Amino acid sequence: MKKHITTIKLGGSEGNCYLIKTSNGFILVVTGEKSKHRNLEEELEELDISFKNLKLIIFTHCNLSVCYKYASLCEKFNTKTAIHVVNKSINFENKTLFQRIKDYFRKIIFNLSKTNEFSPDLIIDEGYNLSEYGLNARVIYMPGFSDSSVGILTENGELFCDDVFIHNTPQITDEKDNLRIVKTLKNLFIDIVYPGQGEPFPLNSLKI
């Protein structure tokens, strides 16, 4: 599989997004809790990304309040979206009355249209294969910093992950969890880590 990776830096604590070019088109990996969706949209336009070549947007972190803000971007690029949901009771199609009331007032406050609804096309979990989108990679469940965090691991050992790492430092508050995650990752075939914040780094640079 031929691919090219472009890092999109949104600035400050917003950290990185990764645009992966495959033989089928592009896949966008949105790490962490990003709020600068307008900035990301502008960056994609500058890179000549359109609805014709953007095949999938993967959110490595399930924060519905942030994902809702991406609804207009997803609609503009007319692309599929993928997210991991730990709480299986979350149903994007059959919302509770409370959720519908919340959505109603959210639309009033933020002046959102009906198109600003977020409903993912794919619920991805441990082991999910992305080859049908031109990327020979699988999903890795990476709980710790967030129970909904996942990583994308390619066949070549490239790991795109959430804010589990800032630069090359694990961000789990519990030292035991830090050690557990690093040990787990070192048992996998991982060459380069593409973190939510900071520059890519070789996994073997981490000392445990």
N, C-alpha and C. Protein backbone atom coordinates (compact mmCIF):
# COMPACT_ATOMS: atom_id res chain seq x y z
N MET A 1 0.82 -1.19 0.00
CA MET A 1 0.00 0.00 0.00
C MET A 1 0.86 1.25 0.00
N LYS A 2 0.67 2.11 -0.95
CA LYS A 2 1.39 3.37 -1.01
C LYS A 2 0.59 4.41 -0.23
N LYS A 3 1.30 5.13 0.65
CA LYS A 3 0.61 6.16 1.40
C LYS A 3 1.57 7.29 1.73
N HIS A 4 1.00 8.45 2.01
CA HIS A 4 1.77 9.62 2.41
C HIS A 4 1.05 10.24 3.59
N ILE A 5 1.79 10.66 4.60
CA ILE A 5 1.18 11.19 5.82
C ILE A 5 1.48 12.67 5.95
N THR A 6 0.44 13.47 6.09
CA THR A 6 0.58 14.92 6.30
C THR A 6 0.06 15.26 7.69
N THR A 7 0.89 15.94 8.47
CA THR A 7 0.47 16.39 9.80
C THR A 7 -0.17 17.76 9.68
N ILE A 8 -1.39 17.89 10.21
CA ILE A 8 -2.09 19.18 10.24
C ILE A 8 -2.07 19.66 11.68
N LYS A 9 -1.34 20.74 11.94
CA LYS A 9 -1.22 21.29 13.29
C LYS A 9 -2.20 22.45 13.43
N LEU A 10 -3.12 22.32 14.37
CA LEU A 10 -4.13 23.35 14.57
C LEU A 10 -3.70 24.40 15.58
N GLY A 11 -2.56 24.20 16.21
CA GLY A 11 -2.01 25.21 17.10
C GLY A 11 -2.38 25.01 18.57
N GLY A 12 -1.46 25.39 19.45
CA GLY A 12 -1.69 25.33 20.88
C GLY A 12 -1.99 23.92 21.36
N SER A 13 -2.89 23.82 22.30
CA SER A 13 -3.26 22.52 22.87
C SER A 13 -4.15 21.72 21.93
N GLU A 14 -4.54 22.31 20.79
CA GLU A 14 -5.37 21.59 19.83
C GLU A 14 -4.62 20.41 19.24
N GLY A 15 -3.32 20.53 19.15
CA GLY A 15 -2.52 19.40 18.69
C GLY A 15 -2.67 19.06 17.23
N ASN A 16 -2.52 17.77 16.91
CA ASN A 16 -2.39 17.32 15.52
C ASN A 16 -3.61 16.57 15.00
N CYS A 17 -3.79 16.69 13.69
CA CYS A 17 -4.63 15.77 12.93
C CYS A 17 -3.72 15.18 11.85
N TYR A 18 -4.08 14.02 11.35
CA TYR A 18 -3.23 13.37 10.36
C TYR A 18 -4.04 13.02 9.11
N LEU A 19 -3.52 13.47 7.97
CA LEU A 19 -4.14 13.17 6.69
C LEU A 19 -3.31 12.10 6.00
N ILE A 20 -3.92 10.95 5.79
CA ILE A 20 -3.21 9.81 5.21
C ILE A 20 -3.68 9.60 3.78
N LYS A 21 -2.73 9.68 2.85
CA LYS A 21 -3.06 9.45 1.45
C LYS A 21 -2.84 7.98 1.12
N THR A 22 -3.88 7.33 0.61
CA THR A 22 -3.78 5.93 0.23
C THR A 22 -4.05 5.81 -1.27
N SER A 23 -4.02 4.60 -1.76
CA SER A 23 -4.29 4.38 -3.17
C SER A 23 -5.74 4.67 -3.52
N ASN A 24 -6.62 4.70 -2.50
CA ASN A 24 -8.05 4.94 -2.74
C ASN A 24 -8.48 6.38 -2.50
N GLY A 25 -7.60 7.17 -1.91
CA GLY A 25 -7.97 8.55 -1.55
C GLY A 25 -7.34 8.91 -0.22
N PHE A 26 -8.05 9.73 0.56
CA PHE A 26 -7.50 10.21 1.83
C PHE A 26 -8.33 9.75 3.01
N ILE A 27 -7.64 9.54 4.12
CA ILE A 27 -8.28 9.27 5.40
C ILE A 27 -7.78 10.31 6.39
N LEU A 28 -8.70 10.95 7.11
CA LEU A 28 -8.34 11.97 8.09
C LEU A 28 -8.50 11.39 9.50
N VAL A 29 -7.43 11.45 10.28
CA VAL A 29 -7.48 11.01 11.68
C VAL A 29 -7.50 12.24 12.57
N VAL A 30 -8.60 12.43 13.29
CA VAL A 30 -8.75 13.57 14.19
C VAL A 30 -8.48 13.07 15.60
N THR A 31 -7.39 13.53 16.21
CA THR A 31 -7.00 13.05 17.54
C THR A 31 -7.51 13.99 18.63
N GLY A 32 -7.75 13.42 19.80
CA GLY A 32 -8.12 14.22 20.96
C GLY A 32 -9.41 14.98 20.81
N GLU A 33 -9.55 16.04 21.61
CA GLU A 33 -10.76 16.86 21.61
C GLU A 33 -10.47 18.15 20.86
N LYS A 34 -10.73 18.14 19.58
CA LYS A 34 -10.44 19.31 18.75
C LYS A 34 -11.68 20.20 18.65
N SER A 35 -11.50 21.50 18.83
CA SER A 35 -12.62 22.44 18.69
C SER A 35 -12.45 23.37 17.49
N LYS A 36 -11.24 23.41 16.92
CA LYS A 36 -11.00 24.33 15.80
C LYS A 36 -11.32 23.67 14.46
N HIS A 37 -12.59 23.28 14.32
CA HIS A 37 -12.99 22.58 13.10
C HIS A 37 -12.94 23.48 11.88
N ARG A 38 -13.16 24.77 12.08
CA ARG A 38 -13.08 25.71 10.95
C ARG A 38 -11.65 25.80 10.43
N ASN A 39 -10.69 25.84 11.34
CA ASN A 39 -9.28 25.87 10.94
C ASN A 39 -8.91 24.62 10.16
N LEU A 40 -9.41 23.49 10.62
CA LEU A 40 -9.13 22.23 9.94
C LEU A 40 -9.73 22.23 8.55
N GLU A 41 -10.92 22.76 8.43
CA GLU A 41 -11.58 22.84 7.12
C GLU A 41 -10.74 23.67 6.15
N GLU A 42 -10.21 24.78 6.62
CA GLU A 42 -9.38 25.64 5.78
C GLU A 42 -8.10 24.93 5.36
N GLU A 43 -7.49 24.19 6.30
CA GLU A 43 -6.27 23.46 5.99
C GLU A 43 -6.53 22.40 4.92
N LEU A 44 -7.66 21.71 5.02
CA LEU A 44 -8.00 20.69 4.04
C LEU A 44 -8.21 21.30 2.66
N GLU A 45 -8.85 22.45 2.61
CA GLU A 45 -9.08 23.12 1.33
C GLU A 45 -7.76 23.53 0.69
N GLU A 46 -6.81 24.00 1.52
CA GLU A 46 -5.50 24.38 1.00
C GLU A 46 -4.75 23.18 0.43
N LEU A 47 -5.03 22.01 1.00
CA LEU A 47 -4.39 20.78 0.53
C LEU A 47 -5.16 20.15 -0.63
N ASP A 48 -6.19 20.86 -1.11
CA ASP A 48 -6.99 20.41 -2.25
C ASP A 48 -7.74 19.11 -1.93
N ILE A 49 -8.22 19.02 -0.69
CA ILE A 49 -9.03 17.88 -0.30
C ILE A 49 -10.50 18.23 -0.52
N SER A 50 -11.25 17.32 -1.13
CA SER A 50 -12.66 17.57 -1.41
C SER A 50 -13.48 16.32 -1.15
N PHE A 51 -14.78 16.45 -1.38
CA PHE A 51 -15.67 15.30 -1.18
C PHE A 51 -15.32 14.15 -2.14
N LYS A 52 -14.58 14.47 -3.19
CA LYS A 52 -14.24 13.44 -4.17
C LYS A 52 -13.14 12.51 -3.69
N ASN A 53 -12.26 13.01 -2.81
CA ASN A 53 -11.11 12.17 -2.43
C ASN A 53 -10.97 11.90 -0.93
N LEU A 54 -11.81 12.52 -0.08
CA LEU A 54 -11.75 12.23 1.35
C LEU A 54 -12.73 11.09 1.64
N LYS A 55 -12.19 9.92 1.96
CA LYS A 55 -13.00 8.71 2.08
C LYS A 55 -13.52 8.46 3.49
N LEU A 56 -12.77 8.93 4.51
CA LEU A 56 -13.16 8.59 5.88
C LEU A 56 -12.54 9.57 6.86
N ILE A 57 -13.32 9.95 7.88
CA ILE A 57 -12.81 10.74 9.01
C ILE A 57 -12.92 9.87 10.25
N ILE A 58 -11.78 9.64 10.92
CA ILE A 58 -11.76 8.82 12.13
C ILE A 58 -11.53 9.72 13.34
N PHE A 59 -12.42 9.66 14.31
CA PHE A 59 -12.24 10.36 15.58
C PHE A 59 -11.67 9.37 16.59
N THR A 60 -10.47 9.67 17.10
CA THR A 60 -9.85 8.74 18.04
C THR A 60 -10.37 8.94 19.46
N HIS A 61 -11.23 9.94 19.64
CA HIS A 61 -11.73 10.26 20.97
C HIS A 61 -13.21 10.56 20.86
N CYS A 62 -14.02 9.89 21.66
CA CYS A 62 -15.47 10.09 21.59
C CYS A 62 -15.91 11.19 22.55
N ASN A 63 -15.96 12.40 22.05
CA ASN A 63 -16.54 13.51 22.79
C ASN A 63 -17.65 14.07 21.91
N LEU A 64 -18.89 13.76 22.23
CA LEU A 64 -20.00 14.10 21.35
C LEU A 64 -20.15 15.60 21.16
N SER A 65 -19.84 16.40 22.21
CA SER A 65 -19.99 17.85 22.07
C SER A 65 -19.04 18.41 21.03
N VAL A 66 -17.85 17.78 20.91
CA VAL A 66 -16.88 18.19 19.89
C VAL A 66 -17.30 17.65 18.52
N CYS A 67 -17.72 16.40 18.48
CA CYS A 67 -18.11 15.78 17.22
C CYS A 67 -19.28 16.52 16.57
N TYR A 68 -20.20 17.02 17.39
CA TYR A 68 -21.33 17.76 16.84
C TYR A 68 -20.84 18.95 16.01
N LYS A 69 -19.74 19.57 16.49
CA LYS A 69 -19.22 20.75 15.79
C LYS A 69 -18.64 20.38 14.43
N TYR A 70 -18.32 19.09 14.26
CA TYR A 70 -17.76 18.64 12.99
C TYR A 70 -18.83 18.23 11.99
N ALA A 71 -20.10 18.32 12.40
CA ALA A 71 -21.17 17.86 11.53
C ALA A 71 -21.18 18.59 10.19
N SER A 72 -20.98 19.90 10.23
CA SER A 72 -21.01 20.68 8.98
C SER A 72 -19.83 20.31 8.09
N LEU A 73 -18.65 20.04 8.71
CA LEU A 73 -17.48 19.64 7.93
C LEU A 73 -17.72 18.29 7.27
N CYS A 74 -18.29 17.36 8.04
CA CYS A 74 -18.57 16.03 7.50
C CYS A 74 -19.56 16.10 6.35
N GLU A 75 -20.55 16.99 6.52
CA GLU A 75 -21.54 17.13 5.46
C GLU A 75 -20.91 17.77 4.21
N LYS A 76 -20.06 18.76 4.43
CA LYS A 76 -19.43 19.45 3.30
C LYS A 76 -18.59 18.49 2.47
N PHE A 77 -17.83 17.62 3.14
CA PHE A 77 -16.97 16.69 2.41
C PHE A 77 -17.70 15.40 2.06
N ASN A 78 -18.93 15.28 2.54
CA ASN A 78 -19.77 14.12 2.20
C ASN A 78 -19.00 12.82 2.36
N THR A 79 -18.39 12.68 3.53
CA THR A 79 -17.55 11.51 3.77
C THR A 79 -18.07 10.71 4.96
N LYS A 80 -17.65 9.48 5.07
CA LYS A 80 -18.05 8.65 6.19
C LYS A 80 -17.23 9.01 7.43
N THR A 81 -17.84 8.79 8.59
CA THR A 81 -17.16 9.08 9.85
C THR A 81 -17.13 7.81 10.70
N ALA A 82 -16.07 7.70 11.51
CA ALA A 82 -15.90 6.53 12.38
C ALA A 82 -15.53 6.99 13.78
N ILE A 83 -16.09 6.31 14.78
CA ILE A 83 -15.84 6.70 16.16
C ILE A 83 -15.96 5.47 17.04
N HIS A 84 -15.29 5.51 18.20
CA HIS A 84 -15.41 4.42 19.17
C HIS A 84 -16.32 4.88 20.30
N VAL A 85 -17.27 4.06 20.66
CA VAL A 85 -18.18 4.39 21.75
C VAL A 85 -18.10 3.32 22.82
N VAL A 86 -17.61 3.68 24.00
CA VAL A 86 -17.49 2.73 25.09
C VAL A 86 -18.88 2.40 25.65
N ASN A 87 -19.67 3.46 25.87
CA ASN A 87 -21.01 3.28 26.42
C ASN A 87 -21.94 2.81 25.31
N LYS A 88 -22.21 1.52 25.27
CA LYS A 88 -23.02 0.95 24.20
C LYS A 88 -24.47 1.44 24.24
N SER A 89 -24.86 2.11 25.36
CA SER A 89 -26.22 2.60 25.45
C SER A 89 -26.43 3.86 24.62
N ILE A 90 -25.32 4.46 24.18
CA ILE A 90 -25.44 5.63 23.32
C ILE A 90 -26.01 5.20 21.98
N ASN A 91 -27.12 5.74 21.62
CA ASN A 91 -27.77 5.41 20.35
C ASN A 91 -27.97 6.69 19.59
N PHE A 92 -27.25 6.85 18.49
CA PHE A 92 -27.29 8.10 17.75
C PHE A 92 -28.61 8.29 17.02
N GLU A 93 -29.28 7.21 16.71
CA GLU A 93 -30.52 7.32 15.94
C GLU A 93 -31.74 7.42 16.85
N ASN A 94 -31.75 6.65 17.93
CA ASN A 94 -32.90 6.64 18.83
C ASN A 94 -32.55 7.38 20.11
N LYS A 95 -32.53 8.70 20.07
CA LYS A 95 -32.15 9.49 21.23
C LYS A 95 -33.28 9.54 22.24
N THR A 96 -32.90 9.70 23.52
CA THR A 96 -33.89 9.84 24.57
C THR A 96 -34.51 11.24 24.48
N LEU A 97 -35.62 11.40 25.17
CA LEU A 97 -36.28 12.71 25.18
C LEU A 97 -35.34 13.77 25.74
N PHE A 98 -34.59 13.41 26.79
CA PHE A 98 -33.65 14.36 27.40
C PHE A 98 -32.60 14.80 26.38
N GLN A 99 -32.08 13.85 25.60
CA GLN A 99 -31.06 14.18 24.60
C GLN A 99 -31.64 15.08 23.52
N ARG A 100 -32.89 14.83 23.13
CA ARG A 100 -33.51 15.66 22.10
C ARG A 100 -33.73 17.08 22.60
N ILE A 101 -34.12 17.22 23.89
CA ILE A 101 -34.30 18.55 24.47
C ILE A 101 -32.96 19.28 24.52
N LYS A 102 -31.91 18.54 24.91
CA LYS A 102 -30.56 19.13 24.96
C LYS A 102 -30.15 19.62 23.58
N ASP A 103 -30.39 18.79 22.56
CA ASP A 103 -30.05 19.16 21.19
C ASP A 103 -30.81 20.41 20.75
N TYR A 104 -32.07 20.49 21.16
CA TYR A 104 -32.91 21.63 20.77
C TYR A 104 -32.32 22.94 21.28
N PHE A 105 -31.98 22.96 22.59
CA PHE A 105 -31.43 24.17 23.17
C PHE A 105 -30.01 24.45 22.68
N ARG A 106 -29.28 23.38 22.38
CA ARG A 106 -27.94 23.56 21.82
C ARG A 106 -28.02 24.27 20.47
N LYS A 107 -29.01 23.91 19.67
CA LYS A 107 -29.18 24.54 18.36
C LYS A 107 -29.52 26.01 18.50
N ILE A 108 -30.36 26.32 19.52
CA ILE A 108 -30.74 27.72 19.74
C ILE A 108 -29.53 28.54 20.18
N ILE A 109 -28.79 28.00 21.15
CA ILE A 109 -27.64 28.72 21.70
C ILE A 109 -26.55 28.95 20.66
N PHE A 110 -26.24 27.89 19.88
CA PHE A 110 -25.15 27.98 18.92
C PHE A 110 -25.63 28.28 17.50
N ASN A 111 -26.94 28.52 17.36
CA ASN A 111 -27.51 28.85 16.06
C ASN A 111 -27.17 27.78 15.02
N LEU A 112 -27.44 26.53 15.37
CA LEU A 112 -27.12 25.42 14.50
C LEU A 112 -28.33 25.03 13.67
N SER A 113 -28.07 24.57 12.47
CA SER A 113 -29.14 24.10 11.60
C SER A 113 -29.36 22.62 11.79
N LYS A 114 -30.33 22.06 11.09
CA LYS A 114 -30.60 20.63 11.20
C LYS A 114 -29.42 19.80 10.71
N THR A 115 -28.61 20.41 9.86
CA THR A 115 -27.47 19.66 9.33
C THR A 115 -26.37 19.47 10.36
N ASN A 116 -26.49 20.22 11.51
CA ASN A 116 -25.47 20.10 12.54
C ASN A 116 -25.77 18.96 13.50
N GLU A 117 -26.23 17.86 12.97
CA GLU A 117 -26.42 16.63 13.75
C GLU A 117 -25.25 15.71 13.43
N PHE A 118 -24.75 15.05 14.46
CA PHE A 118 -23.65 14.13 14.22
C PHE A 118 -24.11 12.71 14.47
N SER A 119 -23.99 11.88 13.46
CA SER A 119 -24.30 10.47 13.60
C SER A 119 -23.25 9.71 12.80
N PRO A 120 -22.34 9.00 13.48
CA PRO A 120 -21.25 8.32 12.77
C PRO A 120 -21.76 7.20 11.88
N ASP A 121 -21.04 6.96 10.81
CA ASP A 121 -21.38 5.86 9.91
C ASP A 121 -20.86 4.53 10.44
N LEU A 122 -19.72 4.61 11.18
CA LEU A 122 -19.09 3.39 11.68
C LEU A 122 -18.80 3.50 13.17
N ILE A 123 -19.14 2.46 13.92
CA ILE A 123 -18.70 2.35 15.31
C ILE A 123 -17.53 1.37 15.30
N ILE A 124 -16.34 1.88 15.58
CA ILE A 124 -15.14 1.05 15.46
C ILE A 124 -14.69 0.59 16.84
N ASP A 125 -14.17 -0.62 16.90
CA ASP A 125 -13.72 -1.19 18.16
C ASP A 125 -12.43 -1.96 17.92
N GLU A 126 -11.88 -2.53 18.98
CA GLU A 126 -10.64 -3.29 18.91
C GLU A 126 -10.64 -4.28 17.76
N GLY A 127 -9.61 -4.19 16.90
CA GLY A 127 -9.46 -5.12 15.81
C GLY A 127 -10.16 -4.75 14.52
N TYR A 128 -10.92 -3.65 14.52
CA TYR A 128 -11.63 -3.25 13.29
C TYR A 128 -10.63 -3.01 12.17
N ASN A 129 -10.87 -3.58 11.00
CA ASN A 129 -9.96 -3.50 9.86
C ASN A 129 -10.38 -2.39 8.90
N LEU A 130 -9.43 -1.56 8.51
CA LEU A 130 -9.72 -0.41 7.66
C LEU A 130 -9.31 -0.62 6.20
N SER A 131 -9.01 -1.84 5.81
CA SER A 131 -8.50 -2.11 4.47
C SER A 131 -9.49 -1.73 3.37
N GLU A 132 -10.79 -1.79 3.65
CA GLU A 132 -11.77 -1.44 2.62
C GLU A 132 -11.70 0.04 2.25
N TYR A 133 -11.03 0.84 3.08
CA TYR A 133 -10.85 2.26 2.79
C TYR A 133 -9.45 2.55 2.25
N GLY A 134 -8.74 1.51 1.87
CA GLY A 134 -7.43 1.68 1.27
C GLY A 134 -6.29 1.77 2.25
N LEU A 135 -6.58 1.54 3.52
CA LEU A 135 -5.54 1.61 4.55
C LEU A 135 -5.44 0.26 5.27
N ASN A 136 -4.32 -0.41 5.09
CA ASN A 136 -4.10 -1.68 5.77
C ASN A 136 -3.73 -1.40 7.22
N ALA A 137 -4.75 -1.27 8.04
CA ALA A 137 -4.56 -0.90 9.44
C ALA A 137 -5.72 -1.44 10.25
N ARG A 138 -5.47 -1.50 11.57
CA ARG A 138 -6.54 -1.96 12.46
C ARG A 138 -6.65 -1.02 13.66
N VAL A 139 -7.79 -1.11 14.31
CA VAL A 139 -8.07 -0.26 15.47
C VAL A 139 -7.55 -0.93 16.73
N ILE A 140 -6.92 -0.13 17.60
CA ILE A 140 -6.45 -0.61 18.90
C ILE A 140 -7.15 0.19 19.99
N TYR A 141 -7.77 -0.49 20.91
CA TYR A 141 -8.42 0.18 22.03
C TYR A 141 -7.36 0.62 23.02
N MET A 142 -7.33 1.92 23.36
CA MET A 142 -6.29 2.47 24.23
C MET A 142 -6.90 3.27 25.38
N PRO A 143 -7.58 2.60 26.32
CA PRO A 143 -8.18 3.31 27.46
C PRO A 143 -7.11 3.79 28.41
N GLY A 144 -7.48 4.76 29.22
CA GLY A 144 -6.54 5.31 30.19
C GLY A 144 -6.82 6.78 30.37
N PHE A 145 -6.28 7.62 29.49
CA PHE A 145 -6.54 9.06 29.52
C PHE A 145 -8.03 9.30 29.27
N SER A 146 -8.61 8.49 28.39
CA SER A 146 -10.05 8.52 28.12
C SER A 146 -10.50 7.09 27.85
N ASP A 147 -11.67 6.73 28.36
CA ASP A 147 -12.18 5.37 28.15
C ASP A 147 -12.58 5.13 26.71
N SER A 148 -12.70 6.21 25.92
CA SER A 148 -13.15 6.06 24.54
C SER A 148 -12.02 6.16 23.53
N SER A 149 -10.78 6.24 24.00
CA SER A 149 -9.65 6.46 23.10
C SER A 149 -9.27 5.20 22.32
N VAL A 150 -8.98 5.40 21.03
CA VAL A 150 -8.48 4.31 20.21
C VAL A 150 -7.26 4.81 19.44
N GLY A 151 -6.48 3.85 18.94
CA GLY A 151 -5.35 4.16 18.07
C GLY A 151 -5.55 3.44 16.75
N ILE A 152 -4.90 3.92 15.71
CA ILE A 152 -4.93 3.29 14.39
C ILE A 152 -3.52 2.79 14.10
N LEU A 153 -3.37 1.47 13.97
CA LEU A 153 -2.05 0.87 13.75
C LEU A 153 -1.98 0.28 12.35
N THR A 154 -1.05 0.79 11.52
CA THR A 154 -0.91 0.31 10.15
C THR A 154 -0.02 -0.93 10.11
N GLU A 155 -0.06 -1.61 8.97
CA GLU A 155 0.76 -2.82 8.80
C GLU A 155 2.25 -2.50 8.83
N ASN A 156 2.62 -1.26 8.59
CA ASN A 156 4.02 -0.86 8.60
C ASN A 156 4.50 -0.37 9.97
N GLY A 157 3.62 -0.47 10.97
CA GLY A 157 4.03 -0.11 12.32
C GLY A 157 3.88 1.36 12.65
N GLU A 158 2.98 2.06 11.97
CA GLU A 158 2.71 3.47 12.28
C GLU A 158 1.47 3.53 13.16
N LEU A 159 1.60 4.13 14.33
CA LEU A 159 0.48 4.23 15.26
C LEU A 159 0.01 5.68 15.37
N PHE A 160 -1.24 5.91 15.00
CA PHE A 160 -1.87 7.23 15.15
C PHE A 160 -2.75 7.15 16.39
N CYS A 161 -2.44 7.97 17.39
CA CYS A 161 -3.15 7.82 18.66
C CYS A 161 -3.69 9.15 19.18
N ASP A 162 -4.44 9.03 20.24
CA ASP A 162 -5.10 10.15 20.89
C ASP A 162 -4.08 10.95 21.69
N ASP A 163 -4.59 11.71 22.68
CA ASP A 163 -3.70 12.47 23.56
C ASP A 163 -3.13 11.58 24.66
N VAL A 164 -2.94 10.30 24.34
CA VAL A 164 -2.26 9.39 25.27
C VAL A 164 -0.82 9.86 25.43
N PHE A 165 -0.27 10.42 24.35
CA PHE A 165 1.09 10.97 24.39
C PHE A 165 1.05 12.45 24.01
N ILE A 166 1.80 13.25 24.73
CA ILE A 166 2.11 14.61 24.32
C ILE A 166 3.62 14.62 24.12
N HIS A 167 4.02 14.86 22.86
CA HIS A 167 5.41 14.63 22.45
C HIS A 167 5.67 13.12 22.68
N ASN A 168 6.66 12.76 23.45
CA ASN A 168 6.90 11.33 23.68
C ASN A 168 6.70 10.96 25.15
N THR A 169 5.79 11.70 25.80
CA THR A 169 5.52 11.46 27.22
C THR A 169 4.10 10.97 27.41
N PRO A 170 3.90 9.80 28.03
CA PRO A 170 2.54 9.33 28.31
C PRO A 170 1.81 10.31 29.22
N GLN A 171 0.52 10.51 28.96
CA GLN A 171 -0.25 11.50 29.70
C GLN A 171 -1.25 10.90 30.68
N ILE A 172 -1.16 9.61 30.92
CA ILE A 172 -2.04 8.99 31.90
C ILE A 172 -1.62 9.45 33.28
N THR A 173 -2.58 9.86 34.08
CA THR A 173 -2.23 10.42 35.39
C THR A 173 -1.68 9.37 36.35
N ASP A 174 -2.12 8.13 36.20
CA ASP A 174 -1.66 7.07 37.07
C ASP A 174 -0.38 6.44 36.49
N GLU A 175 0.67 6.40 37.29
CA GLU A 175 1.96 5.89 36.81
C GLU A 175 1.87 4.42 36.39
N LYS A 176 1.04 3.64 37.10
CA LYS A 176 0.87 2.24 36.74
C LYS A 176 0.20 2.10 35.37
N ASP A 177 -0.77 3.00 35.10
CA ASP A 177 -1.42 2.97 33.79
C ASP A 177 -0.44 3.36 32.69
N ASN A 178 0.44 4.33 32.99
CA ASN A 178 1.48 4.71 32.04
C ASN A 178 2.31 3.49 31.65
N LEU A 179 2.76 2.78 32.67
CA LEU A 179 3.61 1.61 32.46
C LEU A 179 2.86 0.53 31.70
N ARG A 180 1.60 0.32 32.07
CA ARG A 180 0.80 -0.72 31.42
C ARG A 180 0.61 -0.43 29.94
N ILE A 181 0.29 0.82 29.59
CA ILE A 181 0.05 1.17 28.19
C ILE A 181 1.33 1.05 27.37
N VAL A 182 2.44 1.55 27.90
CA VAL A 182 3.70 1.47 27.18
C VAL A 182 4.11 0.02 26.97
N LYS A 183 3.96 -0.82 28.01
CA LYS A 183 4.30 -2.24 27.87
C LYS A 183 3.41 -2.91 26.83
N THR A 184 2.12 -2.58 26.84
CA THR A 184 1.18 -3.15 25.87
C THR A 184 1.59 -2.79 24.46
N LEU A 185 1.93 -1.52 24.25
CA LEU A 185 2.32 -1.06 22.92
C LEU A 185 3.62 -1.70 22.46
N LYS A 186 4.54 -1.91 23.42
CA LYS A 186 5.83 -2.50 23.04
C LYS A 186 5.71 -3.98 22.67
N ASN A 187 4.59 -4.58 23.02
CA ASN A 187 4.34 -5.97 22.63
C ASN A 187 3.76 -6.06 21.23
N LEU A 188 3.44 -4.91 20.64
CA LEU A 188 2.90 -4.87 19.28
C LEU A 188 4.01 -4.45 18.32
N PHE A 189 3.74 -4.63 17.01
CA PHE A 189 4.72 -4.17 16.02
C PHE A 189 4.45 -2.70 15.72
N ILE A 190 5.14 -1.84 16.49
CA ILE A 190 4.98 -0.40 16.33
C ILE A 190 6.35 0.21 16.12
N ASP A 191 6.49 0.96 15.05
CA ASP A 191 7.75 1.62 14.73
C ASP A 191 7.69 3.09 15.15
N ILE A 192 6.77 3.83 14.54
CA ILE A 192 6.65 5.26 14.78
C ILE A 192 5.29 5.58 15.39
N VAL A 193 5.29 6.45 16.42
CA VAL A 193 4.06 6.90 17.04
C VAL A 193 3.74 8.31 16.55
N TYR A 194 2.53 8.51 16.07
CA TYR A 194 2.04 9.83 15.66
C TYR A 194 1.07 10.30 16.75
N PRO A 195 1.57 11.15 17.68
CA PRO A 195 0.78 11.49 18.87
C PRO A 195 -0.26 12.58 18.63
N GLY A 196 -1.17 12.71 19.60
CA GLY A 196 -2.16 13.77 19.53
C GLY A 196 -1.52 15.15 19.58
N GLN A 197 -0.40 15.26 20.29
CA GLN A 197 0.35 16.52 20.34
C GLN A 197 1.83 16.21 20.24
N GLY A 198 2.56 17.08 19.53
CA GLY A 198 4.00 16.90 19.41
C GLY A 198 4.40 16.22 18.11
N GLU A 199 5.70 15.97 17.98
CA GLU A 199 6.25 15.38 16.77
C GLU A 199 6.22 13.85 16.85
N PRO A 200 6.16 13.18 15.70
CA PRO A 200 6.27 11.71 15.69
C PRO A 200 7.57 11.25 16.33
N PHE A 201 7.53 10.08 16.98
CA PHE A 201 8.73 9.58 17.63
C PHE A 201 8.74 8.05 17.56
N PRO A 202 9.94 7.45 17.54
CA PRO A 202 10.02 5.97 17.54
C PRO A 202 9.61 5.42 18.90
N LEU A 203 8.81 4.37 18.88
CA LEU A 203 8.33 3.81 20.14
C LEU A 203 9.48 3.31 21.00
N ASN A 204 10.54 2.81 20.37
CA ASN A 204 11.65 2.28 21.17
C ASN A 204 12.44 3.36 21.91
N SER A 205 12.06 4.63 21.69
CA SER A 205 12.72 5.70 22.43
C SER A 205 12.14 5.83 23.85
N LEU A 206 10.98 5.18 24.09
CA LEU A 206 10.39 5.22 25.42
C LEU A 206 11.10 4.23 26.31
N LYS A 207 11.45 4.66 27.50
CA LYS A 207 12.14 3.79 28.44
C LYS A 207 11.17 3.33 29.52
N ILE A 208 11.15 2.03 29.76
CA ILE A 208 10.30 1.50 30.81
C ILE A 208 11.15 0.58 31.73
